[in-house]
Amino acid sequence: MILKASSVVCGMKKIKYYYNTHTLRYEKLITPLRVKLLRFFGFMSALLVSSAIVIYLYNRFIPKPTQLESDLKYKPMLENYKLLSGKVKALQDQMASLEKRDNDVYRSIFEANPLPDSARAKLIEKQQELDKVKGMSDDFLGKDIAAQLNNLDARMKYQFTSYGSIEKLIRNQDSKLASIPAIQPVSNKQLNRIASGFGMRIDPVYGTPKMHKGLDFTAPQGTPIYATGDGTISEAGYSEGGYGNHVLINHGYGYETLYGHMVRIKARQGQKVTRGEVIGWVGSTGKSTGPHCHYEVHINGNAVDPVYFFYNDLNAEQYDQLLKLAAMGSAKSFD
């Protein structure tokens, strides 16, 4: 049996003794190395775990000075970013509305082609979520806002250019309206001078079906022929192609008119004429079977039915009657 005894302090070192009942003596208590090592490693483990817990709690709940400084900078920066982003978004919406109105309204009114999206500056990329802003530097935020504003500025400049072209269209509209063919080439108050209409007709010379690209107005030789719109004489002379003495007027905006088989031409090449001005007189020159004015309207080089361009000198009832007369005209043309 072993009985422990109290320890004795010798100098600065604490020595423990125990009473050995076998030897009936007090003997010195010696701790094995294995026990010492286990105690050491247990202490170190406890120390490391405690240190890790303390560091975690410190980092989790106690803000560092640099973090406090970052938060102080971040809050006003985030508010400014939100404010600027909101303004940019409002401007983007206004620009989108102006661009849509430009294409759908203004350019439609003046028969101008809409601007393709590729011609305008590309849309600004989708705004990043605000919770990601914190990770951005001041430089990145500044560049992001600057890029959006530069993009918007480019779109606005292009839009102003577009509106400038529309203003020119507005200023030119009066000129365009005066240039488009809008009256009959000969006086036809009784609506009885259209002898052959637009479309497939029997050629009076060869007796075969042939596309008749205009209207034939019968009238006594010497009847005045009028320019049907403002323009410039691009041809005035004799044609070997069948039109005889003829005049071709370039009205601009893609419109041209042709007047054939004149007995005499008054207009000269390069001359500017106005609607209603006499350019020649009815005759039967060229491939013609009688005095008449062969009249054509071309749009962008393609012949169209001239009957749809007489709205300036006819009321609604007369115009409707003329449409019917042109449709029922002779199956044989005069040229």
Protein backbone atom coordinates (compact mmCIF):
# COMPACT_ATOMS: atom_id res chain seq x y z
CA MET A 1 0.00 0.00 0.00
CA ILE A 2 1.23 3.46 -0.96
CA LEU A 3 0.17 6.62 0.85
CA LYS A 4 0.80 10.03 -0.66
CA ALA A 5 2.35 12.65 1.48
CA SER A 6 2.40 16.39 1.18
CA SER A 7 4.97 18.00 -1.00
CA VAL A 8 8.07 19.75 0.31
CA VAL A 9 9.52 22.87 -1.17
CA CYS A 10 13.28 22.91 -1.47
CA GLY A 11 14.47 26.26 -2.60
CA MET A 12 12.48 27.24 -5.68
CA LYS A 13 11.74 23.68 -6.82
CA LYS A 14 8.69 21.86 -5.57
CA ILE A 15 9.41 18.16 -4.76
CA LYS A 16 6.68 15.64 -4.03
CA TYR A 17 7.12 12.63 -1.72
CA TYR A 18 5.01 9.62 -0.93
CA TYR A 19 5.08 7.07 1.93
CA ASN A 20 6.02 3.56 0.84
CA THR A 21 4.34 1.09 3.19
CA HIS A 22 6.63 -1.69 2.04
CA THR A 23 9.80 0.07 2.96
CA LEU A 24 8.13 2.15 5.67
CA ARG A 25 9.92 5.20 4.30
CA TYR A 26 9.14 8.45 2.47
CA GLU A 27 10.36 8.28 -1.06
CA LYS A 28 10.62 10.87 -3.84
CA LEU A 29 7.70 10.89 -6.38
CA ILE A 30 9.04 10.60 -9.94
CA THR A 31 6.65 11.38 -12.90
CA PRO A 32 7.23 9.13 -15.96
CA LEU A 33 8.34 10.77 -19.23
CA ARG A 34 5.29 9.40 -21.06
CA VAL A 35 2.97 11.18 -18.64
CA LYS A 36 4.97 14.39 -18.99
CA LEU A 37 4.74 14.24 -22.78
CA LEU A 38 0.99 13.58 -22.71
CA ARG A 39 0.49 16.50 -20.36
CA PHE A 40 2.63 18.76 -22.63
CA PHE A 41 0.82 17.86 -25.82
CA GLY A 42 -2.57 18.18 -24.11
CA PHE A 43 -1.65 21.66 -22.96
CA MET A 44 -0.43 22.71 -26.40
CA SER A 45 -3.57 21.34 -28.06
CA ALA A 46 -5.78 23.24 -25.64
CA LEU A 47 -3.70 26.36 -26.24
CA LEU A 48 -4.00 26.09 -30.03
CA VAL A 49 -7.77 25.49 -29.92
CA SER A 50 -8.27 28.38 -27.55
CA SER A 51 -6.14 30.65 -29.72
CA ALA A 52 -8.11 29.70 -32.85
CA ILE A 53 -11.41 30.40 -31.07
CA VAL A 54 -10.15 33.76 -29.83
CA ILE A 55 -8.89 34.75 -33.34
CA TYR A 56 -12.18 33.70 -34.95
CA LEU A 57 -14.26 35.66 -32.44
CA TYR A 58 -11.97 38.64 -32.88
CA ASN A 59 -12.27 38.61 -36.65
CA ARG A 60 -15.98 37.86 -36.55
CA PHE A 61 -17.21 40.40 -34.06
CA ILE A 62 -14.47 43.00 -33.64
CA PRO A 63 -14.00 45.19 -36.77
CA LYS A 64 -10.45 46.01 -37.71
CA PRO A 65 -9.36 49.62 -38.29
CA THR A 66 -8.85 49.00 -42.02
CA GLN A 67 -12.32 47.46 -42.25
CA LEU A 68 -13.84 50.43 -40.46
CA GLU A 69 -12.09 52.78 -42.87
CA SER A 70 -13.25 50.70 -45.85
CA ASP A 71 -16.85 50.71 -44.62
CA LEU A 72 -16.77 54.46 -44.11
CA LYS A 73 -15.60 54.91 -47.71
CA TYR A 74 -17.95 52.28 -49.11
CA LYS A 75 -21.22 53.67 -47.76
CA PRO A 76 -21.11 57.09 -49.46
CA MET A 77 -19.56 55.52 -52.55
CA LEU A 78 -22.44 53.04 -52.79
CA GLU A 79 -25.00 55.79 -52.34
CA ASN A 80 -23.37 57.86 -55.08
CA TYR A 81 -23.21 54.81 -57.34
CA LYS A 82 -26.91 54.13 -56.78
CA LEU A 83 -27.75 57.77 -57.51
CA LEU A 84 -25.66 57.91 -60.70
CA SER A 85 -26.91 54.53 -61.88
CA GLY A 86 -30.49 55.67 -61.39
CA LYS A 87 -29.86 58.81 -63.45
CA VAL A 88 -28.14 56.79 -66.18
CA LYS A 89 -31.05 54.33 -66.26
CA ALA A 90 -33.55 57.21 -66.59
CA LEU A 91 -31.52 58.71 -69.44
CA GLN A 92 -31.29 55.33 -71.13
CA ASP A 93 -35.07 54.96 -70.99
CA GLN A 94 -35.53 58.45 -72.45
CA MET A 95 -33.04 57.69 -75.23
CA ALA A 96 -34.80 54.42 -76.05
CA SER A 97 -38.10 56.31 -76.27
CA LEU A 98 -36.56 58.97 -78.56
CA GLU A 99 -34.98 56.32 -80.79
CA LYS A 100 -38.29 54.45 -81.07
CA ARG A 101 -40.16 57.67 -81.85
CA ASP A 102 -37.51 58.56 -84.43
CA ASN A 103 -38.01 55.24 -86.26
CA ASP A 104 -41.73 54.70 -85.77
CA VAL A 105 -43.06 58.25 -86.13
CA TYR A 106 -40.82 60.92 -87.58
CA ARG A 107 -39.16 58.87 -90.30
CA SER A 108 -42.43 57.20 -91.22
CA ILE A 109 -44.07 60.60 -91.79
CA PHE A 110 -41.33 61.69 -94.17
CA GLU A 111 -40.95 58.29 -95.87
CA ALA A 112 -37.41 57.86 -94.60
CA ASN A 113 -35.95 54.48 -93.78
CA PRO A 114 -35.60 53.78 -90.04
CA LEU A 115 -32.10 53.76 -88.64
CA PRO A 116 -30.85 50.21 -88.03
CA ASP A 117 -29.92 49.35 -84.46
CA SER A 118 -26.38 48.57 -85.60
CA ALA A 119 -25.95 52.20 -86.60
CA ARG A 120 -26.64 53.41 -83.11
CA ALA A 121 -24.28 52.86 -80.22
CA LYS A 122 -24.68 49.45 -78.58
CA LEU A 123 -26.90 49.22 -75.53
CA ILE A 124 -25.12 49.49 -72.17
CA GLU A 125 -24.45 46.10 -70.60
CA LYS A 126 -26.71 45.00 -67.77
CA GLN A 127 -25.94 46.79 -64.54
CA GLN A 128 -24.13 44.65 -61.99
CA GLU A 129 -25.90 43.87 -58.74
CA LEU A 130 -25.27 46.38 -55.98
CA ASP A 131 -24.05 43.74 -53.54
CA LYS A 132 -21.03 43.26 -55.81
CA VAL A 133 -20.12 46.94 -55.73
CA LYS A 134 -18.39 46.55 -52.39
CA GLY A 135 -15.69 44.45 -53.99
CA MET A 136 -14.99 47.09 -56.63
CA SER A 137 -12.31 49.70 -56.32
CA ASP A 138 -12.94 53.42 -56.67
CA ASP A 139 -11.19 53.27 -60.02
CA PHE A 140 -13.42 50.45 -61.27
CA LEU A 141 -16.62 52.24 -60.21
CA GLY A 142 -15.49 55.45 -61.84
CA LYS A 143 -14.65 53.66 -65.09
CA ASP A 144 -17.97 51.79 -65.05
CA ILE A 145 -20.02 54.97 -64.70
CA ALA A 146 -17.79 56.79 -67.20
CA ALA A 147 -18.26 53.98 -69.75
CA GLN A 148 -22.04 54.14 -69.39
CA LEU A 149 -22.09 57.93 -69.71
CA ASN A 150 -19.78 57.83 -72.76
CA ASN A 151 -22.05 55.25 -74.38
CA LEU A 152 -25.09 57.38 -73.65
CA ASP A 153 -23.32 60.47 -74.97
CA ALA A 154 -22.55 58.65 -78.23
CA ARG A 155 -26.19 57.62 -78.62
CA MET A 156 -27.36 61.18 -77.97
CA LYS A 157 -24.93 62.63 -80.53
CA TYR A 158 -26.08 60.13 -83.14
CA GLN A 159 -29.71 60.91 -82.31
CA PHE A 160 -29.09 64.64 -82.73
CA THR A 161 -27.59 63.85 -86.14
CA SER A 162 -30.73 61.88 -86.99
CA TYR A 163 -32.97 64.76 -85.92
CA GLY A 164 -30.85 67.07 -88.07
CA SER A 165 -31.59 64.91 -91.09
CA ILE A 166 -35.29 64.95 -90.19
CA GLU A 167 -35.20 68.76 -90.03
CA LYS A 168 -33.80 68.73 -93.55
CA LEU A 169 -36.64 66.41 -94.60
CA ILE A 170 -39.14 68.87 -93.11
CA ARG A 171 -37.54 71.80 -94.94
CA ASN A 172 -37.51 69.80 -98.17
CA GLN A 173 -41.09 68.58 -97.82
CA ASP A 174 -42.62 71.57 -99.62
CA SER A 175 -40.14 71.10 -102.44
CA LYS A 176 -40.94 67.39 -102.57
CA LEU A 177 -44.69 67.98 -102.68
CA ALA A 178 -44.22 70.45 -105.55
CA SER A 179 -41.99 67.99 -107.42
CA ILE A 180 -44.16 64.88 -107.26
CA PRO A 181 -46.30 64.53 -110.44
CA ALA A 182 -49.82 65.50 -109.44
CA ILE A 183 -51.78 66.79 -112.47
CA GLN A 184 -52.73 65.54 -115.94
CA PRO A 185 -50.30 66.42 -118.75
CA VAL A 186 -53.08 67.84 -120.96
CA SER A 187 -56.26 69.68 -120.15
CA ASN A 188 -58.96 67.06 -119.54
CA LYS A 189 -61.84 68.75 -117.75
CA GLN A 190 -64.41 66.52 -119.40
CA LEU A 191 -62.39 63.40 -118.48
CA ASN A 192 -62.76 62.05 -122.01
CA ARG A 193 -59.20 62.08 -123.32
CA ILE A 194 -57.74 58.90 -121.83
CA ALA A 195 -57.79 56.47 -124.74
CA SER A 196 -55.52 53.70 -123.48
CA GLY A 197 -54.54 52.79 -119.94
CA PHE A 198 -51.53 51.28 -118.19
CA GLY A 199 -50.88 47.55 -118.61
CA MET A 200 -50.91 44.91 -121.35
CA ARG A 201 -52.29 46.32 -124.62
CA ILE A 202 -52.34 45.35 -128.31
CA ASP A 203 -49.54 47.09 -130.21
CA PRO A 204 -51.24 49.17 -132.95
CA VAL A 205 -48.42 48.51 -135.42
CA TYR A 206 -47.47 44.88 -134.81
CA GLY A 207 -50.83 43.67 -133.46
CA THR A 208 -49.19 41.72 -130.60
CA PRO A 209 -49.70 42.04 -126.81
CA LYS A 210 -47.22 44.46 -125.30
CA MET A 211 -46.77 46.18 -121.96
CA HIS A 212 -48.04 49.75 -122.22
CA LYS A 213 -46.06 51.67 -119.60
CA GLY A 214 -48.18 54.81 -119.56
CA LEU A 215 -51.45 56.50 -120.48
CA ASP A 216 -52.45 57.80 -123.93
CA PHE A 217 -54.27 61.15 -123.91
CA THR A 218 -55.97 61.90 -127.25
CA ALA A 219 -56.10 65.58 -128.18
CA PRO A 220 -55.98 67.75 -131.31
CA GLN A 221 -52.52 68.42 -132.67
CA GLY A 222 -51.07 71.55 -131.07
CA THR A 223 -52.80 71.03 -127.68
CA PRO A 224 -50.42 72.24 -124.92
CA ILE A 225 -48.65 69.61 -122.80
CA TYR A 226 -47.85 70.59 -119.21
CA ALA A 227 -45.13 69.53 -116.78
CA THR A 228 -46.93 67.62 -114.05
CA GLY A 229 -44.45 68.59 -111.32
CA ASP A 230 -41.40 70.76 -110.66
CA GLY A 231 -38.15 69.38 -112.03
CA THR A 232 -35.28 69.58 -114.48
CA ILE A 233 -35.45 68.56 -118.15
CA SER A 234 -33.08 65.61 -118.54
CA GLU A 235 -34.03 64.79 -122.16
CA ALA A 236 -35.66 66.90 -124.89
CA GLY A 237 -35.47 65.72 -128.48
CA TYR A 238 -36.33 63.03 -130.99
CA SER A 239 -36.21 59.37 -129.92
CA GLU A 240 -35.56 56.53 -132.35
CA GLY A 241 -37.13 54.19 -129.81
CA GLY A 242 -40.69 55.12 -130.76
CA TYR A 243 -41.45 58.14 -128.58
CA GLY A 244 -40.70 60.63 -131.37
CA ASN A 245 -40.34 64.15 -130.06
CA HIS A 246 -40.35 63.64 -126.32
CA VAL A 247 -39.42 65.23 -123.02
CA LEU A 248 -38.12 63.49 -119.89
CA ILE A 249 -38.30 65.41 -116.60
CA ASN A 250 -36.30 64.48 -113.51
CA HIS A 251 -38.35 65.62 -110.52
CA GLY A 252 -35.92 64.38 -107.88
CA TYR A 253 -36.84 62.10 -104.96
CA GLY A 254 -36.81 59.16 -107.41
CA TYR A 255 -39.57 60.53 -109.68
CA GLU A 256 -39.40 60.98 -113.47
CA THR A 257 -42.08 61.69 -116.09
CA LEU A 258 -42.00 61.13 -119.84
CA TYR A 259 -44.09 62.91 -122.50
CA GLY A 260 -44.03 61.45 -126.00
CA HIS A 261 -45.05 62.08 -129.66
CA MET A 262 -44.97 65.91 -129.49
CA VAL A 263 -45.37 67.88 -132.68
CA ARG A 264 -42.97 70.47 -131.25
CA ILE A 265 -40.89 70.71 -128.09
CA LYS A 266 -40.68 73.92 -126.10
CA ALA A 267 -38.48 72.82 -123.18
CA ARG A 268 -34.72 72.44 -123.47
CA GLN A 269 -32.36 69.99 -121.77
CA GLY A 270 -31.15 71.28 -118.38
CA GLN A 271 -34.04 73.73 -118.07
CA LYS A 272 -35.87 73.92 -114.74
CA VAL A 273 -39.66 73.80 -115.04
CA THR A 274 -42.54 74.14 -112.63
CA ARG A 275 -45.80 72.25 -112.42
CA GLY A 276 -48.29 73.50 -115.06
CA GLU A 277 -45.59 74.98 -117.31
CA VAL A 278 -45.98 74.24 -121.06
CA ILE A 279 -43.16 71.98 -122.26
CA GLY A 280 -44.47 71.13 -125.75
CA TRP A 281 -47.53 70.44 -127.92
CA VAL A 282 -49.47 67.30 -128.82
CA GLY A 283 -48.46 65.61 -132.08
CA SER A 284 -48.05 62.19 -133.69
CA THR A 285 -44.29 61.80 -134.14
CA GLY A 286 -42.47 58.51 -133.67
CA LYS A 287 -44.40 55.22 -133.55
CA SER A 288 -47.86 56.73 -133.34
CA THR A 289 -51.22 56.14 -135.05
CA GLY A 290 -52.73 59.54 -134.28
CA PRO A 291 -52.28 62.78 -132.35
CA HIS A 292 -51.94 62.02 -128.64
CA CYS A 293 -49.66 62.46 -125.63
CA HIS A 294 -48.07 59.32 -124.29
CA TYR A 295 -47.42 59.93 -120.59
CA GLU A 296 -45.34 57.82 -118.19
CA VAL A 297 -44.42 58.09 -114.49
CA HIS A 298 -41.28 56.37 -113.19
CA ILE A 299 -40.37 55.82 -109.55
CA ASN A 300 -36.76 54.80 -108.97
CA GLY A 301 -36.57 53.72 -112.62
CA ASN A 302 -39.73 51.60 -112.59
CA ALA A 303 -42.83 52.58 -114.60
CA VAL A 304 -46.00 52.90 -112.49
CA ASP A 305 -49.60 53.65 -113.41
CA PRO A 306 -49.84 57.46 -113.89
CA VAL A 307 -53.56 57.44 -113.08
CA TYR A 308 -52.66 57.50 -109.38
CA PHE A 309 -50.91 60.87 -109.74
CA PHE A 310 -53.77 63.17 -110.80
CA TYR A 311 -55.07 64.13 -107.37
CA ASN A 312 -54.17 67.84 -107.54
CA ASP A 313 -56.54 68.86 -110.35
CA LEU A 314 -59.47 66.51 -109.63
CA ASN A 315 -62.00 66.24 -106.84
CA ALA A 316 -62.81 62.87 -105.30
CA GLU A 317 -65.73 62.19 -107.63
CA GLN A 318 -63.77 63.10 -110.77
CA TYR A 319 -60.79 61.06 -109.63
CA ASP A 320 -62.97 58.00 -109.06
CA GLN A 321 -64.51 58.46 -112.51
CA LEU A 322 -61.07 58.80 -114.10
CA LEU A 323 -59.90 55.58 -112.47
CA LYS A 324 -62.84 53.74 -114.03
CA LEU A 325 -62.26 55.31 -117.46
CA ALA A 326 -58.59 54.35 -117.39
CA ALA A 327 -59.48 50.79 -116.44
CA MET A 328 -62.03 50.57 -119.29
CA GLY A 329 -59.77 52.23 -121.90
CA SER A 330 -59.17 50.73 -125.32
CA ALA A 331 -57.45 47.39 -125.45
CA LYS A 332 -55.23 48.85 -128.18
CA SER A 333 -52.66 51.55 -127.48
CA PHE A 334 -51.93 54.51 -129.77
CA ASP A 335 -48.19 53.79 -129.81
